[in-house]
PDB file of N, CA and C in Angstrom:
ATOM      1  N   MET A   1       0.704  -1.047   0.278  1.00  0.00           N
ATOM      2  CA  MET A   1      -0.003   0.474   0.131  1.00  0.00           C
ATOM      3  C   MET A   1       1.002   1.657   0.073  1.00  0.00           C
ATOM      4  N   LEU A   2       2.224   1.145   0.663  1.00  0.00           N
ATOM      5  CA  LEU A   2       3.252   2.367   1.175  1.00  0.00           C
ATOM      6  C   LEU A   2       3.615   2.682   0.367  1.00  0.00           C
ATOM      7  N   LEU A   3       3.922   1.807  -1.095  1.00  0.00           N
ATOM      8  CA  LEU A   3       4.099   1.736  -2.678  1.00  0.00           C
ATOM      9  C   LEU A   3       3.978   2.059  -3.807  1.00  0.00           C
ATOM     10  N   LEU A   4       2.707   1.659  -3.168  1.00  0.00           N
ATOM     11  CA  LEU A   4       1.517   2.605  -4.213  1.00  0.00           C
ATOM     12  C   LEU A   4       0.996   4.082  -3.684  1.00  0.00           C
ATOM     13  N   PHE A   5       1.219   4.393  -3.190  1.00  0.00           N
ATOM     14  CA  PHE A   5       0.826   5.354  -1.580  1.00  0.00           C
ATOM     15  C   PHE A   5       2.496   7.164  -3.836  1.00  0.00           C
ATOM     16  N   THR A   6       3.357   5.798  -3.056  1.00  0.00           N
ATOM     17  CA  THR A   6       4.430   6.483  -3.345  1.00  0.00           C
ATOM     18  C   THR A   6       4.210   6.449  -4.669  1.00  0.00           C
ATOM     19  N   GLY A   7       4.475   6.051  -4.960  1.00  0.00           N
ATOM     20  CA  GLY A   7       3.867   5.073  -6.656  1.00  0.00           C
ATOM     21  C   GLY A   7       3.079   6.999  -7.481  1.00  0.00           C
ATOM     22  N   LEU A   8       1.437   7.525  -6.693  1.00  0.00           N
ATOM     23  CA  LEU A   8       1.282   7.395  -7.058  1.00  0.00           C
ATOM     24  C   LEU A   8       1.490   9.104  -6.761  1.00  0.00           C
ATOM     25  N   LEU A   9       2.440   9.718  -5.406  1.00  0.00           N
ATOM     26  CA  LEU A   9       3.165  10.801  -4.757  1.00  0.00           C
ATOM     27  C   LEU A   9       4.396  11.196  -6.632  1.00  0.00           C
ATOM     28  N   VAL A  10       4.630  10.414  -6.844  1.00  0.00           N
ATOM     29  CA  VAL A  10       5.766  10.142  -7.866  1.00  0.00           C
ATOM     30  C   VAL A  10       5.550  10.442  -9.212  1.00  0.00           C
ATOM     31  N   TYR A  11       4.086  10.005  -9.833  1.00  0.00           N
ATOM     32  CA  TYR A  11       3.217   9.987 -10.679  1.00  0.00           C
ATOM     33  C   TYR A  11       2.694  12.044 -10.596  1.00  0.00           C
ATOM     34  N   ALA A  12       2.402  11.773 -10.193  1.00  0.00           N
ATOM     35  CA  ALA A  12       2.015  13.844  -9.369  1.00  0.00           C
ATOM     36  C   ALA A  12       3.114  14.772  -9.490  1.00  0.00           C
ATOM     37  N   THR A  13       3.639  14.670  -9.347  1.00  0.00           N
ATOM     38  CA  THR A  13       4.756  15.281  -9.446  1.00  0.00           C
ATOM     39  C   THR A  13       5.778  15.768 -10.046  1.00  0.00           C
ATOM     40  N   ILE A  14       6.062  14.688 -11.314  1.00  0.00           N
ATOM     41  CA  ILE A  14       6.257  14.576 -12.528  1.00  0.00           C
ATOM     42  C   ILE A  14       5.566  15.384 -13.721  1.00  0.00           C
ATOM     43  N   HIS A  15       4.433  16.006 -13.090  1.00  0.00           N
ATOM     44  CA  HIS A  15       3.859  16.512 -13.685  1.00  0.00           C
ATOM     45  C   HIS A  15       3.567  17.537 -13.333  1.00  0.00           C
ATOM     46  N   LEU A  16       4.638  18.403 -12.730  1.00  0.00           N
ATOM     47  CA  LEU A  16       4.602  19.873 -12.027  1.00  0.00           C
ATOM     48  C   LEU A  16       4.931  20.567 -12.554  1.00  0.00           C
ATOM     49  N   PRO A  17       4.974  22.060 -13.133  1.00  0.00           N
ATOM     50  CA  PRO A  17       5.276  23.273 -13.571  1.00  0.00           C
ATOM     51  C   PRO A  17       7.014  23.090 -13.039  1.00  0.00           C
ATOM     52  N   ALA A  18       8.516  23.175 -13.575  1.00  0.00           N
ATOM     53  CA  ALA A  18       9.621  23.308 -13.914  1.00  0.00           C
ATOM     54  C   ALA A  18       8.945  24.308 -12.235  1.00  0.00           C
ATOM     55  N   ARG A  19      10.667  23.808 -10.987  1.00  0.00           N
ATOM     56  CA  ARG A  19      10.332  24.876  -9.969  1.00  0.00           C
ATOM     57  C   ARG A  19      10.696  26.781 -11.080  1.00  0.00           C
ATOM     58  N   GLY A  20      10.170  27.936 -10.940  1.00  0.00           N
ATOM     59  CA  GLY A  20      10.704  28.931 -11.259  1.00  0.00           C
ATOM     60  C   GLY A  20      10.526  29.244 -12.810  1.00  0.00           C
ATOM     61  N   ASP A  21       9.836  28.217 -13.449  1.00  0.00           N
ATOM     62  CA  ASP A  21       9.380  28.609 -14.669  1.00  0.00           C
ATOM     63  C   ASP A  21       8.290  29.700 -14.523  1.00  0.00           C
ATOM     64  N   PRO A  22       8.581  31.323 -15.201  1.00  0.00           N
ATOM     65  CA  PRO A  22       7.478  31.711 -14.879  1.00  0.00           C
ATOM     66  C   PRO A  22       6.459  31.638 -16.076  1.00  0.00           C
ATOM     67  N   GLU A  23       6.412  30.473 -17.066  1.00  0.00           N
ATOM     68  CA  GLU A  23       4.864  30.328 -17.319  1.00  0.00           C
ATOM     69  C   GLU A  23       3.869  29.788 -16.908  1.00  0.00           C
ATOM     70  N   ALA A  24       4.424  29.068 -15.571  1.00  0.00           N
ATOM     71  CA  ALA A  24       3.606  28.442 -14.041  1.00  0.00           C
ATOM     72  C   ALA A  24       2.061  28.869 -14.726  1.00  0.00           C
ATOM     73  N   PRO A  25       0.931  27.922 -13.980  1.00  0.00           N
ATOM     74  CA  PRO A  25      -0.189  28.462 -14.161  1.00  0.00           C
ATOM     75  C   PRO A  25      -0.541  29.326 -12.227  1.00  0.00           C
ATOM     76  N   MET A  26       0.562  29.557 -11.911  1.00  0.00           N
ATOM     77  CA  MET A  26       0.488  30.336 -10.975  1.00  0.00           C
ATOM     78  C   MET A  26       1.199  31.794 -10.892  1.00  0.00           C
ATOM     79  N   HIS A  27       1.443  32.001 -12.357  1.00  0.00           N
ATOM     80  CA  HIS A  27       2.584  33.680 -12.773  1.00  0.00           C
ATOM     81  C   HIS A  27       1.185  33.765 -13.229  1.00  0.00           C
ATOM     82  N   ARG A  28      -0.040  33.433 -13.818  1.00  0.00           N
ATOM     83  CA  ARG A  28      -0.545  33.780 -14.068  1.00  0.00           C
ATOM     84  C   ARG A  28      -1.732  34.644 -13.766  1.00  0.00           C
ATOM     85  N   LYS A  29      -1.871  36.199 -14.461  1.00  0.00           N
ATOM     86  CA  LYS A  29      -2.522  37.500 -14.473  1.00  0.00           C
ATOM     87  C   LYS A  29      -3.998  37.107 -14.961  1.00  0.00           C
ATOM     88  N   GLU A  30      -4.305  36.154 -15.289  1.00  0.00           N
ATOM     89  CA  GLU A  30      -6.130  36.003 -15.741  1.00  0.00           C
ATOM     90  C   GLU A  30      -5.511  34.340 -15.659  1.00  0.00           C
ATOM     91  N   ASN A  31      -7.654  33.880 -15.363  1.00  0.00           N
ATOM     92  CA  ASN A  31      -6.893  32.482 -16.055  1.00  0.00           C
ATOM     93  C   ASN A  31      -7.547  32.487 -16.985  1.00  0.00           C
ATOM     94  N   VAL A  32      -8.066  30.991 -17.583  1.00  0.00           N
ATOM     95  CA  VAL A  32      -8.350  30.476 -18.294  1.00  0.00           C
ATOM     96  C   VAL A  32      -9.479  31.223 -18.618  1.00  0.00           C
ATOM     97  N   VAL A  33     -10.589  31.289 -18.899  1.00  0.00           N
ATOM     98  CA  VAL A  33     -11.279  32.359 -18.847  1.00  0.00           C
ATOM     99  C   VAL A  33     -11.922  33.637 -19.441  1.00  0.00           C
ATOM    100  N   GLY A  34     -10.117  34.186 -18.811  1.00  0.00           N
ATOM    101  CA  GLY A  34      -9.812  35.543 -18.603  1.00  0.00           C
ATOM    102  C   GLY A  34     -10.106  36.459 -17.735  1.00  0.00           C
ATOM    103  N   ASP A  35     -10.138  35.823 -17.019  1.00  0.00           N
ATOM    104  CA  ASP A  35     -11.214  36.834 -15.450  1.00  0.00           C
ATOM    105  C   ASP A  35      -9.690  36.872 -15.020  1.00  0.00           C
ATOM    106  N   PRO A  36      -9.825  38.251 -14.290  1.00  0.00           N
ATOM    107  CA  PRO A  36      -8.755  38.402 -13.932  1.00  0.00           C
ATOM    108  C   PRO A  36      -7.919  37.471 -12.320  1.00  0.00           C
ATOM    109  N   VAL A  37      -6.896  37.010 -11.567  1.00  0.00           N
ATOM    110  CA  VAL A  37      -6.619  36.080 -10.153  1.00  0.00           C
ATOM    111  C   VAL A  37      -6.865  36.557  -9.674  1.00  0.00           C
ATOM    112  N   ALA A  38      -7.623  36.270  -8.788  1.00  0.00           N
ATOM    113  CA  ALA A  38      -7.558  36.790  -7.163  1.00  0.00           C
ATOM    114  C   ALA A  38      -5.736  37.478  -6.627  1.00  0.00           C
ATOM    115  N   GLY A  39      -4.419  36.371  -7.069  1.00  0.00           N
ATOM    116  CA  GLY A  39      -3.924  36.448  -6.060  1.00  0.00           C
ATOM    117  C   GLY A  39      -3.417  37.860  -6.774  1.00  0.00           C
ATOM    118  N   ALA A  40      -2.712  37.871  -7.708  1.00  0.00           N
ATOM    119  CA  ALA A  40      -2.501  38.688  -8.334  1.00  0.00           C
ATOM    120  C   ALA A  40      -2.933  39.924  -8.286  1.00  0.00           C
ATOM    121  N   TYR A  41      -3.832  40.553  -7.658  1.00  0.00           N
ATOM    122  CA  TYR A  41      -4.406  41.230  -7.234  1.00  0.00           C
ATOM    123  C   TYR A  41      -3.782  41.839  -5.897  1.00  0.00           C
ATOM    124  N   PHE A  42      -3.896  40.924  -4.588  1.00  0.00           N
ATOM    125  CA  PHE A  42      -3.488  40.477  -3.575  1.00  0.00           C
ATOM    126  C   PHE A  42      -1.993  41.016  -4.018  1.00  0.00           C
ATOM    127  N   ILE A  43      -1.438  40.001  -4.326  1.00  0.00           N
ATOM    128  CA  ILE A  43       0.120  40.157  -4.481  1.00  0.00           C
ATOM    129  C   ILE A  43       1.101  42.152  -5.112  1.00  0.00           C
ATOM    130  N   GLY A  44       0.078  42.284  -6.146  1.00  0.00           N
ATOM    131  CA  GLY A  44       0.661  43.997  -6.816  1.00  0.00           C
ATOM    132  C   GLY A  44      -0.073  45.199  -5.052  1.00  0.00           C
ATOM    133  N   ASN A  45      -1.268  45.130  -4.738  1.00  0.00           N
ATOM    134  CA  ASN A  45      -1.418  46.039  -4.080  1.00  0.00           C
ATOM    135  C   ASN A  45      -1.414  45.685  -2.760  1.00  0.00           C
ATOM    136  N   ALA A  46      -0.840  44.298  -2.199  1.00  0.00           N
ATOM    137  CA  ALA A  46      -0.650  44.204  -0.282  1.00  0.00           C
ATOM    138  C   ALA A  46      -0.971  45.261   0.030  1.00  0.00           C
ATOM    139  N   TYR A  47       0.507  46.167  -0.578  1.00  0.00           N
ATOM    140  CA  TYR A  47       1.601  46.837   0.993  1.00  0.00           C
ATOM    141  C   TYR A  47       0.691  47.861   0.198  1.00  0.00           C
ATOM    142  N   ARG A  48       0.377  48.700  -0.842  1.00  0.00           N
ATOM    143  CA  ARG A  48      -0.509  50.205  -1.217  1.00  0.00           C
ATOM    144  C   ARG A  48      -1.818  49.829  -0.291  1.00  0.00           C
ATOM    145  N   ASP A  49      -2.979  49.436  -0.187  1.00  0.00           N
ATOM    146  CA  ASP A  49      -3.900  48.973   0.663  1.00  0.00           C
ATOM    147  C   ASP A  49      -3.271  48.305   2.442  1.00  0.00           C
ATOM    148  N   ALA A  50      -2.675  48.449   2.459  1.00  0.00           N
ATOM    149  CA  ALA A  50      -2.927  48.124   4.477  1.00  0.00           C
ATOM    150  C   ALA A  50      -1.756  48.873   4.191  1.00  0.00           C
ATOM    151  N   ALA A  51      -0.639  49.800   3.755  1.00  0.00           N
ATOM    152  CA  ALA A  51       0.790  50.383   4.507  1.00  0.00           C
ATOM    153  C   ALA A  51       1.542  48.889   5.955  1.00  0.00           C
ATOM    154  N   THR A  52       1.086  47.839   4.963  1.00  0.00           N
ATOM    155  CA  THR A  52       2.126  47.364   5.829  1.00  0.00           C
ATOM    156  C   THR A  52       2.504  45.513   4.959  1.00  0.00           C
ATOM    157  N   PRO A  53       4.453  46.193   5.534  1.00  0.00           N
ATOM    158  CA  PRO A  53       5.080  45.081   4.165  1.00  0.00           C
ATOM    159  C   PRO A  53       4.813  43.761   4.306  1.00  0.00           C
ATOM    160  N   ASN A  54       4.350  42.834   5.467  1.00  0.00           N
ATOM    161  CA  ASN A  54       4.440  42.163   5.125  1.00  0.00           C
ATOM    162  C   ASN A  54       3.422  41.521   4.389  1.00  0.00           C
ATOM    163  N   MET A  55       3.214  40.564   3.717  1.00  0.00           N
ATOM    164  CA  MET A  55       2.219  40.188   3.060  1.00  0.00           C
ATOM    165  C   MET A  55       1.114  39.501   3.400  1.00  0.00           C
ATOM    166  N   VAL A  56       1.688  38.063   3.496  1.00  0.00           N
ATOM    167  CA  VAL A  56       1.140  37.357   4.269  1.00  0.00           C
ATOM    168  C   VAL A  56      -0.082  37.928   5.487  1.00  0.00           C
ATOM    169  N   THR A  57       0.085  38.820   6.235  1.00  0.00           N
ATOM    170  CA  THR A  57      -0.531  39.419   7.196  1.00  0.00           C
ATOM    171  C   THR A  57      -1.978  40.137   6.405  1.00  0.00           C
ATOM    172  N   VAL A  58      -1.427  40.942   5.411  1.00  0.00           N
ATOM    173  CA  VAL A  58      -2.227  41.302   4.381  1.00  0.00           C
ATOM    174  C   VAL A  58      -2.703  41.199   4.237  1.00  0.00           C
ATOM    175  N   ILE A  59      -2.787  39.427   3.623  1.00  0.00           N
ATOM    176  CA  ILE A  59      -3.936  38.874   3.190  1.00  0.00           C
ATOM    177  C   ILE A  59      -4.230  38.126   3.891  1.00  0.00           C
ATOM    178  N   LEU A  60      -4.047  37.738   4.763  1.00  0.00           N
ATOM    179  CA  LEU A  60      -5.149  37.027   6.804  1.00  0.00           C
ATOM    180  C   LEU A  60      -5.796  38.650   7.306  1.00  0.00           C
ATOM    181  N   ALA A  61      -5.399  39.379   7.572  1.00  0.00           N
ATOM    182  CA  ALA A  61      -6.183  39.839   7.999  1.00  0.00           C
ATOM    183  C   ALA A  61      -7.158  41.189   7.888  1.00  0.00           C
ATOM    184  N   ASP A  62      -6.395  41.112   6.543  1.00  0.00           N
ATOM    185  CA  ASP A  62      -6.838  42.400   5.496  1.00  0.00           C
ATOM    186  C   ASP A  62      -8.580  41.659   4.658  1.00  0.00           C
ATOM    187  N   TYR A  63      -7.506  41.107   3.346  1.00  0.00           N
ATOM    188  CA  TYR A  63      -8.499  40.385   2.652  1.00  0.00           C
ATOM    189  C   TYR A  63      -9.361  39.769   3.053  1.00  0.00           C
ATOM    190  N   ARG A  64      -8.713  38.341   4.384  1.00  0.00           N
ATOM    191  CA  ARG A  64     -10.118  37.886   4.440  1.00  0.00           C
ATOM    192  C   ARG A  64     -10.240  37.678   5.757  1.00  0.00           C
ATOM    193  N   SER A  65     -10.228  38.893   6.370  1.00  0.00           N
ATOM    194  CA  SER A  65     -10.769  39.056   7.881  1.00  0.00           C
ATOM    195  C   SER A  65     -12.225  37.724   7.820  1.00  0.00           C
ATOM    196  N   VAL A  66     -13.017  38.037   7.505  1.00  0.00           N
ATOM    197  CA  VAL A  66     -14.652  37.710   7.562  1.00  0.00           C
ATOM    198  C   VAL A  66     -13.737  36.241   7.183  1.00  0.00           C
ATOM    199  N   ASP A  67     -13.443  35.962   5.859  1.00  0.00           N
ATOM    200  CA  ASP A  67     -13.403  34.050   6.306  1.00  0.00           C
ATOM    201  C   ASP A  67     -12.433  33.897   7.672  1.00  0.00           C
ATOM    202  N   THR A  68     -11.002  34.562   7.789  1.00  0.00           N
ATOM    203  CA  THR A  68     -10.470  34.137   9.088  1.00  0.00           C
ATOM    204  C   THR A  68     -11.308  34.222  10.488  1.00  0.00           C
ATOM    205  N   LEU A  69     -12.176  35.115  10.671  1.00  0.00           N
ATOM    206  CA  LEU A  69     -12.841  35.158  11.990  1.00  0.00           C
ATOM    207  C   LEU A  69     -13.835  34.044  11.542  1.00  0.00           C
ATOM    208  N   GLY A  70     -14.425  33.579  10.754  1.00  0.00           N
ATOM    209  CA  GLY A  70     -15.521  32.477  10.522  1.00  0.00           C
ATOM    210  C   GLY A  70     -14.326  31.607  11.666  1.00  0.00           C
ATOM    211  N   GLU A  71     -13.214  31.349  10.397  1.00  0.00           N
ATOM    212  CA  GLU A  71     -12.292  29.718  10.863  1.00  0.00           C
ATOM    213  C   GLU A  71     -11.996  29.670  12.616  1.00  0.00           C
ATOM    214  N   VAL A  72     -11.840  31.240  13.394  1.00  0.00           N
ATOM    215  CA  VAL A  72     -11.282  30.931  14.504  1.00  0.00           C
ATOM    216  C   VAL A  72     -12.628  30.559  15.587  1.00  0.00           C
ATOM    217  N   ILE A  73     -13.712  30.947  14.944  1.00  0.00           N
ATOM    218  CA  ILE A  73     -15.032  30.441  15.848  1.00  0.00           C
ATOM    219  C   ILE A  73     -15.483  29.871  15.250  1.00  0.00           C
ATOM    220  N   VAL A  74     -15.212  28.808  14.490  1.00  0.00           N
ATOM    221  CA  VAL A  74     -15.824  26.752  14.267  1.00  0.00           C
ATOM    222  C   VAL A  74     -14.272  26.894  15.093  1.00  0.00           C
ATOM    223  N   VAL A  75     -12.905  26.604  15.350  1.00  0.00           N
ATOM    224  CA  VAL A  75     -12.447  26.367  16.707  1.00  0.00           C
ATOM    225  C   VAL A  75     -12.660  26.123  17.995  1.00  0.00           C
ATOM    226  N   PHE A  76     -13.072  27.623  18.081  1.00  0.00           N
ATOM    227  CA  PHE A  76     -13.894  28.288  19.725  1.00  0.00           C
ATOM    228  C   PHE A  76     -14.760  27.627  19.870  1.00  0.00           C
ATOM    229  N   THR A  77     -15.997  27.275  18.993  1.00  0.00           N
ATOM    230  CA  THR A  77     -16.923  26.395  19.357  1.00  0.00           C
ATOM    231  C   THR A  77     -16.478  25.252  19.557  1.00  0.00           C
ATOM    232  N   ALA A  78     -15.838  24.307  18.951  1.00  0.00           N
ATOM    233  CA  ALA A  78     -14.894  23.236  19.202  1.00  0.00           C
ATOM    234  C   ALA A  78     -14.175  23.005  20.270  1.00  0.00           C
ATOM    235  N   GLY A  79     -13.636  24.006  20.572  1.00  0.00           N
ATOM    236  CA  GLY A  79     -13.088  23.775  22.306  1.00  0.00           C
ATOM    237  C   GLY A  79     -13.649  23.740  22.715  1.00  0.00           C
ATOM    238  N   VAL A  80     -15.377  25.310  23.201  1.00  0.00           N
ATOM    239  CA  VAL A  80     -15.957  24.852  24.045  1.00  0.00           C
ATOM    240  C   VAL A  80     -17.027  23.631  24.170  1.00  0.00           C
ATOM    241  N   CYS A  81     -17.405  23.233  23.015  1.00  0.00           N
ATOM    242  CA  CYS A  81     -17.930  22.033  23.195  1.00  0.00           C
ATOM    243  C   CYS A  81     -17.112  20.407  23.728  1.00  0.00           C
ATOM    244  N   CYS A  82     -16.585  21.264  22.901  1.00  0.00           N
ATOM    245  CA  CYS A  82     -15.275  19.678  23.607  1.00  0.00           C
ATOM    246  C   CYS A  82     -14.448  19.581  25.672  1.00  0.00           C
ATOM    247  N   LEU A  83     -14.762  20.860  25.921  1.00  0.00           N
ATOM    248  CA  LEU A  83     -14.693  21.204  27.746  1.00  0.00           C
ATOM    249  C   LEU A  83     -16.076  20.868  28.242  1.00  0.00           C
ATOM    250  N   LEU A  84     -17.152  21.277  27.186  1.00  0.00           N
ATOM    251  CA  LEU A  84     -18.553  20.457  27.810  1.00  0.00           C
ATOM    252  C   LEU A  84     -18.509  19.163  28.296  1.00  0.00           C
ATOM    253  N   ILE A  85     -18.368  18.674  26.839  1.00  0.00           N
ATOM    254  CA  ILE A  85     -18.282  16.964  27.104  1.00  0.00           C
ATOM    255  C   ILE A  85     -17.117  16.215  28.413  1.00  0.00           C
ATOM    256  N   LEU A  86     -16.136  16.743  28.513  1.00  0.00           N
ATOM    257  CA  LEU A  86     -15.551  16.150  29.261  1.00  0.00           C
ATOM    258  C   LEU A  86     -16.093  16.813  30.530  1.00  0.00           C
ATOM    259  N   ARG A  87     -16.307  18.018  30.602  1.00  0.00           N
ATOM    260  CA  ARG A  87     -16.334  18.501  31.329  1.00  0.00           C
ATOM    261  C   ARG A  87     -17.964  17.200  32.995  1.00  0.00           C
ATOM    262  N   ARG A  88     -18.157  17.449  31.625  1.00  0.00           N
ATOM    263  CA  ARG A  88     -19.702  16.680  31.983  1.00  0.00           C
ATOM    264  C   ARG A  88     -20.094  14.966  32.622  1.00  0.00           C
ATOM    265  N   ARG A  89     -18.632  14.912  31.722  1.00  0.00           N
ATOM    266  CA  ARG A  89     -18.557  12.910  32.327  1.00  0.00           C
ATOM    267  C   ARG A  89     -16.822  12.556  33.417  1.00  0.00           C
ATOM    268  N   MET A  90     -17.031  13.514  34.223  1.00  0.00           N
ATOM    269  CA  MET A  90     -15.429  14.444  35.319  1.00  0.00           C
ATOM    270  C   MET A  90     -16.997  13.972  35.941  1.00  0.00           C
ATOM    271  N   TYR A  91     -17.975  15.012  36.571  1.00  0.00           N
ATOM    272  CA  TYR A  91     -19.369  14.350  37.148  1.00  0.00           C
ATOM    273  C   TYR A  91     -19.886  13.819  37.657  1.00  0.00           C
ATOM    274  N   ASP A  92     -19.967  12.682  36.621  1.00  0.00           N
ATOM    275  CA  ASP A  92     -20.767  11.072  35.995  1.00  0.00           C
ATOM    276  C   ASP A  92     -20.874  10.481  37.223  1.00  0.00           C
TER     277      ASP A  92
END
């Protein structure tokens, strides 16, 4: 089973673009249908929009803040549920 998985990983990596290839799909400014790619906007305008030199901080805190807040709420709710379940078992 491990050999099958290793073979699948090797097969998948053979078809990846070369490292640093400027023609790789991740470097495109437009997708296949001609619409602009969001990543190109984020990279090009991160400092101008937020005046923060760290691009990752700008993307997580400014562009994706609502999504990040949703993820934090989900993790917090799961933690509270786990505490309530464990607390209930301690008193039974």
